[in-house]
Amino acid sequence: MKTFALETEDQQAKTDFQNIAKNLDDALQTLQGRQQYIEEQEPTYKQ
């Protein structure tokens, strides 16, 4: 996503892909936080 946003000439597509990439990064951080919390609460789920 980020690579396409940098390479495209279409400004609307660039903005859209940058927004999508940011949303994915935010979701990933949220999920990593939840995973860490679960692993602390239930050590049996730790990988």
PDB file of N, CA and C in Angstrom:
ATOM      1  N   MET A   1       0.825  -1.185   0.000  1.00  0.00           N
ATOM      2  CA  MET A   1       0.000   0.000   0.000  1.00  0.00           C
ATOM      3  C   MET A   1       0.871   1.251   0.000  1.00  0.00           C
ATOM      4  N   LYS A   2       1.817   1.280   0.902  1.00  0.00           N
ATOM      5  CA  LYS A   2       2.662   2.471   1.012  1.00  0.00           C
ATOM      6  C   LYS A   2       3.487   2.678  -0.243  1.00  0.00           C
ATOM      7  N   THR A   3       3.972   1.586  -0.821  1.00  0.00           N
ATOM      8  CA  THR A   3       4.776   1.681  -2.040  1.00  0.00           C
ATOM      9  C   THR A   3       3.934   2.218  -3.187  1.00  0.00           C
ATOM     10  N   PHE A   4       2.726   1.715  -3.324  1.00  0.00           N
ATOM     11  CA  PHE A   4       1.845   2.189  -4.397  1.00  0.00           C
ATOM     12  C   PHE A   4       1.528   3.663  -4.207  1.00  0.00           C
ATOM     13  N   ALA A   5       1.295   4.067  -2.979  1.00  0.00           N
ATOM     14  CA  ALA A   5       0.985   5.475  -2.709  1.00  0.00           C
ATOM     15  C   ALA A   5       2.145   6.374  -3.128  1.00  0.00           C
ATOM     16  N   LEU A   6       3.360   5.901  -2.962  1.00  0.00           N
ATOM     17  CA  LEU A   6       4.523   6.701  -3.348  1.00  0.00           C
ATOM     18  C   LEU A   6       4.722   6.733  -4.860  1.00  0.00           C
ATOM     19  N   GLU A   7       4.342   5.648  -5.543  1.00  0.00           N
ATOM     20  CA  GLU A   7       4.628   5.523  -6.973  1.00  0.00           C
ATOM     21  C   GLU A   7       3.551   6.101  -7.881  1.00  0.00           C
ATOM     22  N   THR A   8       2.325   6.199  -7.419  1.00  0.00           N
ATOM     23  CA  THR A   8       1.237   6.626  -8.305  1.00  0.00           C
ATOM     24  C   THR A   8       1.266   8.138  -8.539  1.00  0.00           C
ATOM     25  N   GLU A   9       0.784   8.512  -9.704  1.00  0.00           N
ATOM     26  CA  GLU A   9       0.668   9.930 -10.051  1.00  0.00           C
ATOM     27  C   GLU A   9      -0.718  10.475  -9.681  1.00  0.00           C
ATOM     28  N   ASP A  10      -1.680   9.579  -9.509  1.00  0.00           N
ATOM     29  CA  ASP A  10      -3.059   9.962  -9.200  1.00  0.00           C
ATOM     30  C   ASP A  10      -3.129  10.428  -7.742  1.00  0.00           C
ATOM     31  N   GLN A  11      -3.387  11.698  -7.545  1.00  0.00           N
ATOM     32  CA  GLN A  11      -3.372  12.273  -6.194  1.00  0.00           C
ATOM     33  C   GLN A  11      -4.452  11.672  -5.297  1.00  0.00           C
ATOM     34  N   GLN A  12      -5.631  11.424  -5.856  1.00  0.00           N
ATOM     35  CA  GLN A  12      -6.706  10.827  -5.051  1.00  0.00           C
ATOM     36  C   GLN A  12      -6.344   9.412  -4.622  1.00  0.00           C
ATOM     37  N   ALA A  13      -5.776   8.632  -5.545  1.00  0.00           N
ATOM     38  CA  ALA A  13      -5.352   7.270  -5.201  1.00  0.00           C
ATOM     39  C   ALA A  13      -4.245   7.319  -4.158  1.00  0.00           C
ATOM     40  N   LYS A  14      -3.338   8.260  -4.296  1.00  0.00           N
ATOM     41  CA  LYS A  14      -2.238   8.402  -3.335  1.00  0.00           C
ATOM     42  C   LYS A  14      -2.791   8.672  -1.933  1.00  0.00           C
ATOM     43  N   THR A  15      -3.729   9.601  -1.848  1.00  0.00           N
ATOM     44  CA  THR A  15      -4.337   9.936  -0.561  1.00  0.00           C
ATOM     45  C   THR A  15      -5.091   8.740   0.018  1.00  0.00           C
ATOM     46  N   ASP A  16      -5.861   8.063  -0.834  1.00  0.00           N
ATOM     47  CA  ASP A  16      -6.624   6.903  -0.375  1.00  0.00           C
ATOM     48  C   ASP A  16      -5.705   5.811   0.168  1.00  0.00           C
ATOM     49  N   PHE A  17      -4.655   5.495  -0.573  1.00  0.00           N
ATOM     50  CA  PHE A  17      -3.751   4.437  -0.135  1.00  0.00           C
ATOM     51  C   PHE A  17      -2.973   4.833   1.121  1.00  0.00           C
ATOM     52  N   GLN A  18      -2.639   6.101   1.265  1.00  0.00           N
ATOM     53  CA  GLN A  18      -1.985   6.550   2.491  1.00  0.00           C
ATOM     54  C   GLN A  18      -2.925   6.393   3.685  1.00  0.00           C
ATOM     55  N   ASN A  19      -4.193   6.729   3.493  1.00  0.00           N
ATOM     56  CA  ASN A  19      -5.179   6.572   4.566  1.00  0.00           C
ATOM     57  C   ASN A  19      -5.388   5.102   4.921  1.00  0.00           C
ATOM     58  N   ILE A  20      -5.463   4.255   3.908  1.00  0.00           N
ATOM     59  CA  ILE A  20      -5.629   2.819   4.157  1.00  0.00           C
ATOM     60  C   ILE A  20      -4.421   2.275   4.914  1.00  0.00           C
ATOM     61  N   ALA A  21      -3.226   2.671   4.509  1.00  0.00           N
ATOM     62  CA  ALA A  21      -2.010   2.207   5.180  1.00  0.00           C
ATOM     63  C   ALA A  21      -1.997   2.656   6.633  1.00  0.00           C
ATOM     64  N   LYS A  22      -2.430   3.887   6.896  1.00  0.00           N
ATOM     65  CA  LYS A  22      -2.467   4.370   8.283  1.00  0.00           C
ATOM     66  C   LYS A  22      -3.487   3.586   9.095  1.00  0.00           C
ATOM     67  N   ASN A  23      -4.649   3.313   8.515  1.00  0.00           N
ATOM     68  CA  ASN A  23      -5.671   2.522   9.210  1.00  0.00           C
ATOM     69  C   ASN A  23      -5.157   1.122   9.533  1.00  0.00           C
ATOM     70  N   LEU A  24      -4.446   0.515   8.595  1.00  0.00           N
ATOM     71  CA  LEU A  24      -3.887  -0.814   8.837  1.00  0.00           C
ATOM     72  C   LEU A  24      -2.835  -0.775   9.944  1.00  0.00           C
ATOM     73  N   ASP A  25      -2.000   0.256   9.939  1.00  0.00           N
ATOM     74  CA  ASP A  25      -0.990   0.392  10.993  1.00  0.00           C
ATOM     75  C   ASP A  25      -1.653   0.564  12.363  1.00  0.00           C
ATOM     76  N   ASP A  26      -2.712   1.373  12.404  1.00  0.00           N
ATOM     77  CA  ASP A  26      -3.429   1.584  13.667  1.00  0.00           C
ATOM     78  C   ASP A  26      -4.070   0.283  14.158  1.00  0.00           C
ATOM     79  N   ALA A  27      -4.684  -0.464  13.243  1.00  0.00           N
ATOM     80  CA  ALA A  27      -5.310  -1.733  13.614  1.00  0.00           C
ATOM     81  C   ALA A  27      -4.262  -2.717  14.106  1.00  0.00           C
ATOM     82  N   LEU A  28      -3.117  -2.752  13.448  1.00  0.00           N
ATOM     83  CA  LEU A  28      -2.039  -3.648  13.863  1.00  0.00           C
ATOM     84  C   LEU A  28      -1.564  -3.312  15.269  1.00  0.00           C
ATOM     85  N   GLN A  29      -1.404  -2.031  15.571  1.00  0.00           N
ATOM     86  CA  GLN A  29      -0.981  -1.632  16.913  1.00  0.00           C
ATOM     87  C   GLN A  29      -2.018  -2.036  17.956  1.00  0.00           C
ATOM     88  N   THR A  30      -3.292  -1.855  17.626  1.00  0.00           N
ATOM     89  CA  THR A  30      -4.355  -2.246  18.551  1.00  0.00           C
ATOM     90  C   THR A  30      -4.314  -3.750  18.815  1.00  0.00           C
ATOM     91  N   LEU A  31      -4.181  -4.528  17.758  1.00  0.00           N
ATOM     92  CA  LEU A  31      -4.146  -5.984  17.914  1.00  0.00           C
ATOM     93  C   LEU A  31      -2.906  -6.445  18.679  1.00  0.00           C
ATOM     94  N   GLN A  32      -1.777  -5.806  18.454  1.00  0.00           N
ATOM     95  CA  GLN A  32      -0.563  -6.170  19.189  1.00  0.00           C
ATOM     96  C   GLN A  32      -0.722  -5.857  20.673  1.00  0.00           C
ATOM     97  N   GLY A  33      -1.385  -4.746  20.979  1.00  0.00           N
ATOM     98  CA  GLY A  33      -1.657  -4.420  22.374  1.00  0.00           C
ATOM     99  C   GLY A  33      -2.572  -5.444  23.024  1.00  0.00           C
ATOM    100  N   ARG A  34      -3.589  -5.860  22.302  1.00  0.00           N
ATOM    101  CA  ARG A  34      -4.505  -6.884  22.827  1.00  0.00           C
ATOM    102  C   ARG A  34      -3.787  -8.210  23.019  1.00  0.00           C
ATOM    103  N   GLN A  35      -2.936  -8.562  22.063  1.00  0.00           N
ATOM    104  CA  GLN A  35      -2.180  -9.805  22.178  1.00  0.00           C
ATOM    105  C   GLN A  35      -1.286  -9.772  23.414  1.00  0.00           C
ATOM    106  N   GLN A  36      -0.619  -8.661  23.622  1.00  0.00           N
ATOM    107  CA  GLN A  36       0.261  -8.540  24.783  1.00  0.00           C
ATOM    108  C   GLN A  36      -0.543  -8.665  26.080  1.00  0.00           C
ATOM    109  N   TYR A  37      -1.698  -8.023  26.132  1.00  0.00           N
ATOM    110  CA  TYR A  37      -2.545  -8.099  27.321  1.00  0.00           C
ATOM    111  C   TYR A  37      -2.979  -9.544  27.586  1.00  0.00           C
ATOM    112  N   ILE A  38      -3.417 -10.233  26.530  1.00  0.00           N
ATOM    113  CA  ILE A  38      -3.857 -11.629  26.682  1.00  0.00           C
ATOM    114  C   ILE A  38      -2.706 -12.502  27.158  1.00  0.00           C
ATOM    115  N   GLU A  39      -1.525 -12.306  26.576  1.00  0.00           N
ATOM    116  CA  GLU A  39      -0.370 -13.113  26.976  1.00  0.00           C
ATOM    117  C   GLU A  39       0.010 -12.856  28.433  1.00  0.00           C
ATOM    118  N   GLU A  40      -0.177 -11.637  28.898  1.00  0.00           N
ATOM    119  CA  GLU A  40       0.115 -11.338  30.303  1.00  0.00           C
ATOM    120  C   GLU A  40      -0.926 -11.960  31.222  1.00  0.00           C
ATOM    121  N   GLN A  41      -2.181 -11.975  30.795  1.00  0.00           N
ATOM    122  CA  GLN A  41      -3.270 -12.498  31.610  1.00  0.00           C
ATOM    123  C   GLN A  41      -3.332 -14.023  31.565  1.00  0.00           C
ATOM    124  N   GLU A  42      -3.032 -14.582  30.411  1.00  0.00           N
ATOM    125  CA  GLU A  42      -3.112 -16.033  30.216  1.00  0.00           C
ATOM    126  C   GLU A  42      -1.816 -16.523  29.581  1.00  0.00           C
ATOM    127  N   PRO A  43      -0.818 -16.802  30.382  1.00  0.00           N
ATOM    128  CA  PRO A  43       0.485 -17.215  29.847  1.00  0.00           C
ATOM    129  C   PRO A  43       0.428 -18.453  28.944  1.00  0.00           C
ATOM    130  N   THR A  44      -0.625 -19.254  29.058  1.00  0.00           N
ATOM    131  CA  THR A  44      -0.716 -20.446  28.212  1.00  0.00           C
ATOM    132  C   THR A  44      -0.903 -20.080  26.739  1.00  0.00           C
ATOM    133  N   TYR A  45      -1.365 -18.846  26.447  1.00  0.00           N
ATOM    134  CA  TYR A  45      -1.574 -18.409  25.065  1.00  0.00           C
ATOM    135  C   TYR A  45      -0.312 -17.810  24.452  1.00  0.00           C
ATOM    136  N   LYS A  46       0.734 -17.698  25.237  1.00  0.00           N
ATOM    137  CA  LYS A  46       1.959 -17.109  24.724  1.00  0.00           C
ATOM    138  C   LYS A  46       2.602 -18.060  23.729  1.00  0.00           C
ATOM    139  N   GLN A  47       3.042 -17.501  22.611  1.00  0.00           N
ATOM    140  CA  GLN A  47       3.629 -18.342  21.556  1.00  0.00           C
ATOM    141  C   GLN A  47       5.084 -18.614  21.809  1.00  0.00           C
TER     142      GLN A  47
END
